[in-house]
Amino acid sequence: MSDAELVVRASGGDRWAQEAIFRRYVADVTSLAERLLRRRHEADDVVQDTFADALLALGELRDPSALRAWLLGIAVRRVRRRVRKLALLRTLGLDRGIDDATLELLASPGLSPDTRAELARVDRALALLHPDDRIAWMLRHVEGEKLEDVAAIAGCSLATAKRRIATAETLVRARLRGAEP
């Protein structure tokens, strides 16, 4: 069944269609939230909130064939809220969480130690970025989204998405070379 058909049925209250949407996209939303937040327990909350928001707002989806991008956009908005909360907790010295979903930790177990070390360096560089720049970079380079989809998911213009990605790339490259940007 197509996304458009599922959206029509789910927005009409069909529980099977709602569950089908969840099953079809929960892995995408989860992996995105984990990578952006770097914490599995925080990502779990974002996933739950994303699907709760989406099921309530399905009638507002203008293009039902764009369901995946719409869901990821909701997740990104939820991630931004969570990032702001975590930043406040860090500032107050109340953040006791552990980053257990970094690129290095989520990587395939068969990777070489050198590749793992490189991923850890990328993680450290990404942690220094403004959240919007990191989100755009991750959507483009880790999630493999097209530039137009990065803009749609991130809720910004194409030019802004390109600028955010370029800003992130400059810092990540400089950090990997061992130089300050």
Protein backbone atom coordinates (compact mmCIF):
# COMPACT_ATOMS: atom_id res chain seq x y z
CA MET A 1 0.00 0.00 0.00
CA SER A 2 1.34 3.44 -0.89
CA ASP A 3 2.06 6.16 1.65
CA ALA A 4 -0.75 8.24 0.20
CA GLU A 5 -3.26 5.42 0.72
CA LEU A 6 -2.02 4.83 4.26
CA VAL A 7 -2.32 8.53 5.10
CA VAL A 8 -5.90 8.70 3.82
CA ARG A 9 -6.90 5.62 5.80
CA ALA A 10 -4.98 6.60 8.94
CA SER A 11 -6.34 10.13 8.98
CA GLY A 12 -9.80 8.58 8.83
CA GLY A 13 -9.06 6.68 12.03
CA ASP A 14 -7.99 3.31 10.59
CA ARG A 15 -5.81 1.83 13.36
CA TRP A 16 -4.24 -0.71 11.01
CA ALA A 17 -3.06 2.09 8.69
CA GLN A 18 -1.70 4.07 11.64
CA GLU A 19 0.27 1.05 12.79
CA ALA A 20 1.47 0.42 9.23
CA ILE A 21 2.84 3.97 9.05
CA PHE A 22 4.61 3.46 12.36
CA ARG A 23 6.11 0.12 11.31
CA ARG A 24 7.19 1.46 7.92
CA TYR A 25 9.07 4.49 9.29
CA VAL A 26 10.00 3.82 12.91
CA ALA A 27 13.50 2.63 11.98
CA ASP A 28 14.18 5.77 9.90
CA VAL A 29 12.95 8.11 12.62
CA THR A 30 14.81 6.19 15.33
CA SER A 31 18.16 6.14 13.52
CA LEU A 32 17.90 9.84 12.71
CA ALA A 33 16.99 10.78 16.29
CA GLU A 34 19.77 8.62 17.74
CA ARG A 35 22.41 10.06 15.47
CA LEU A 36 21.31 13.65 16.04
CA LEU A 37 20.94 13.38 19.82
CA ARG A 38 23.75 10.87 20.42
CA ARG A 39 21.66 9.34 23.21
CA ARG A 40 19.35 6.38 22.79
CA HIS A 41 17.01 7.12 25.69
CA GLU A 42 16.53 10.71 24.47
CA ALA A 43 15.92 9.41 20.95
CA ASP A 44 13.27 6.98 22.19
CA ASP A 45 11.29 9.90 23.62
CA VAL A 46 11.63 11.81 20.35
CA VAL A 47 10.38 8.81 18.35
CA GLN A 48 7.31 8.41 20.55
CA ASP A 49 6.54 12.12 20.42
CA THR A 50 7.09 12.24 16.66
CA PHE A 51 4.56 9.53 15.92
CA ALA A 52 2.08 10.90 18.46
CA ASP A 53 2.32 14.35 16.82
CA ALA A 54 2.13 12.87 13.34
CA LEU A 55 -0.95 10.78 13.97
CA LEU A 56 -2.76 13.79 15.39
CA ALA A 57 -1.75 16.01 12.46
CA LEU A 58 -2.07 13.61 9.51
CA GLY A 59 -4.91 15.69 8.09
CA GLU A 60 -2.50 18.63 7.75
CA LEU A 61 -0.11 16.71 5.47
CA ARG A 62 -0.47 18.41 2.08
CA ASP A 63 1.38 15.80 0.05
CA PRO A 64 0.72 12.30 1.43
CA SER A 65 3.42 10.86 -0.83
CA ALA A 66 5.96 12.92 1.16
CA LEU A 67 5.10 11.11 4.39
CA ARG A 68 8.68 10.05 5.20
CA ALA A 69 10.13 13.55 4.83
CA TRP A 70 7.24 14.97 6.84
CA LEU A 71 7.84 12.49 9.68
CA LEU A 72 11.58 13.21 9.67
CA GLY A 73 10.79 16.94 9.79
CA ILE A 74 8.65 16.41 12.88
CA ALA A 75 11.49 14.39 14.42
CA VAL A 76 14.01 17.14 13.67
CA ARG A 77 11.78 19.74 15.36
CA ARG A 78 11.51 17.44 18.38
CA VAL A 79 15.30 16.94 18.36
CA ARG A 80 15.85 20.70 18.36
CA ARG A 81 13.65 21.05 21.45
CA ARG A 82 15.52 18.24 23.17
CA VAL A 83 18.90 19.76 22.25
CA ARG A 84 17.86 23.08 23.81
CA LYS A 85 16.77 21.29 26.98
CA LEU A 86 20.04 19.34 27.16
CA ALA A 87 22.06 22.53 26.64
CA LEU A 88 20.26 24.15 29.55
CA LEU A 89 20.86 21.11 31.75
CA ARG A 90 24.56 21.17 30.80
CA THR A 91 24.79 24.87 31.63
CA LEU A 92 23.23 24.22 35.02
CA GLY A 93 25.51 21.24 35.63
CA LEU A 94 22.54 18.87 35.71
CA ASP A 95 23.23 16.82 32.59
CA ARG A 96 24.24 13.35 33.73
CA GLY A 97 23.52 11.60 30.45
CA ILE A 98 25.97 9.50 28.50
CA ASP A 99 26.38 9.70 24.73
CA ASP A 100 25.68 6.09 23.76
CA ALA A 101 24.64 6.65 20.13
CA THR A 102 27.63 8.35 18.55
CA LEU A 103 28.70 7.56 15.01
CA GLU A 104 31.51 5.44 16.40
CA LEU A 105 29.23 3.42 18.68
CA LEU A 106 26.55 2.96 16.01
CA ALA A 107 29.06 1.78 13.41
CA SER A 108 29.33 -1.80 12.25
CA PRO A 109 31.29 -4.01 14.68
CA GLY A 110 33.61 -5.15 11.89
CA LEU A 111 35.18 -1.74 11.29
CA SER A 112 38.90 -1.35 11.75
CA PRO A 113 40.24 0.48 14.81
CA ASP A 114 41.51 3.25 12.53
CA THR A 115 38.05 3.80 11.06
CA ARG A 116 36.51 3.80 14.52
CA ALA A 117 39.05 6.39 15.66
CA GLU A 118 38.21 8.54 12.62
CA LEU A 119 34.49 8.31 13.42
CA ALA A 120 35.23 9.36 17.00
CA ARG A 121 37.09 12.40 15.66
CA VAL A 122 34.13 13.27 13.41
CA ASP A 123 31.81 12.90 16.42
CA ARG A 124 33.92 15.32 18.45
CA ALA A 125 33.94 17.84 15.59
CA LEU A 126 30.17 17.53 15.11
CA ALA A 127 29.61 18.14 18.82
CA LEU A 128 31.13 21.62 18.38
CA LEU A 129 28.66 22.64 15.68
CA HIS A 130 25.52 24.66 16.09
CA PRO A 131 22.67 22.11 16.21
CA ASP A 132 21.15 23.37 12.93
CA ASP A 133 24.48 22.95 11.11
CA ARG A 134 24.99 19.49 12.61
CA ILE A 135 21.46 18.43 11.66
CA ALA A 136 21.91 19.56 8.05
CA TRP A 137 25.32 17.86 7.79
CA MET A 138 24.02 14.62 9.29
CA LEU A 139 20.97 14.58 7.02
CA ARG A 140 23.16 15.05 3.96
CA HIS A 141 26.24 12.98 4.75
CA VAL A 142 25.06 10.32 7.18
CA GLU A 143 21.41 9.86 6.24
CA GLY A 144 22.18 10.40 2.53
CA GLU A 145 19.31 12.82 1.87
CA LYS A 146 19.22 14.96 -1.28
CA LEU A 147 19.78 18.68 -0.72
CA GLU A 148 16.12 19.46 -1.41
CA ASP A 149 15.08 16.88 1.17
CA VAL A 150 17.58 18.23 3.70
CA ALA A 151 15.94 21.64 3.34
CA ALA A 152 12.43 20.21 3.65
CA ILE A 153 13.26 18.03 6.66
CA ALA A 154 15.24 20.78 8.39
CA GLY A 155 12.47 23.30 7.70
CA CYS A 156 14.64 25.82 5.90
CA SER A 157 15.32 27.09 2.40
CA LEU A 158 17.62 25.24 0.02
CA ALA A 159 20.16 28.07 0.27
CA THR A 160 20.13 27.88 4.07
CA ALA A 161 20.54 24.10 3.98
CA LYS A 162 23.55 24.46 1.64
CA ARG A 163 25.08 27.14 3.89
CA ARG A 164 24.62 25.02 7.01
CA ILE A 165 26.20 21.99 5.35
CA ALA A 166 29.13 24.08 4.07
CA THR A 167 29.69 25.59 7.52
CA ALA A 168 29.69 22.14 9.08
CA GLU A 169 32.01 20.72 6.42
CA THR A 170 34.52 23.50 7.00
CA LEU A 171 34.69 22.82 10.73
CA VAL A 172 34.74 19.03 10.39
CA ARG A 173 37.54 19.14 7.80
CA ALA A 174 39.56 21.58 9.88
CA ARG A 175 39.18 19.39 12.97
CA LEU A 176 40.14 16.26 11.09
CA ARG A 177 43.27 18.00 9.79
CA GLY A 178 44.04 19.09 13.36
CA ALA A 179 43.61 22.79 12.60
CA GLU A 180 41.14 25.25 14.03
CA PRO A 181 38.52 26.49 11.53
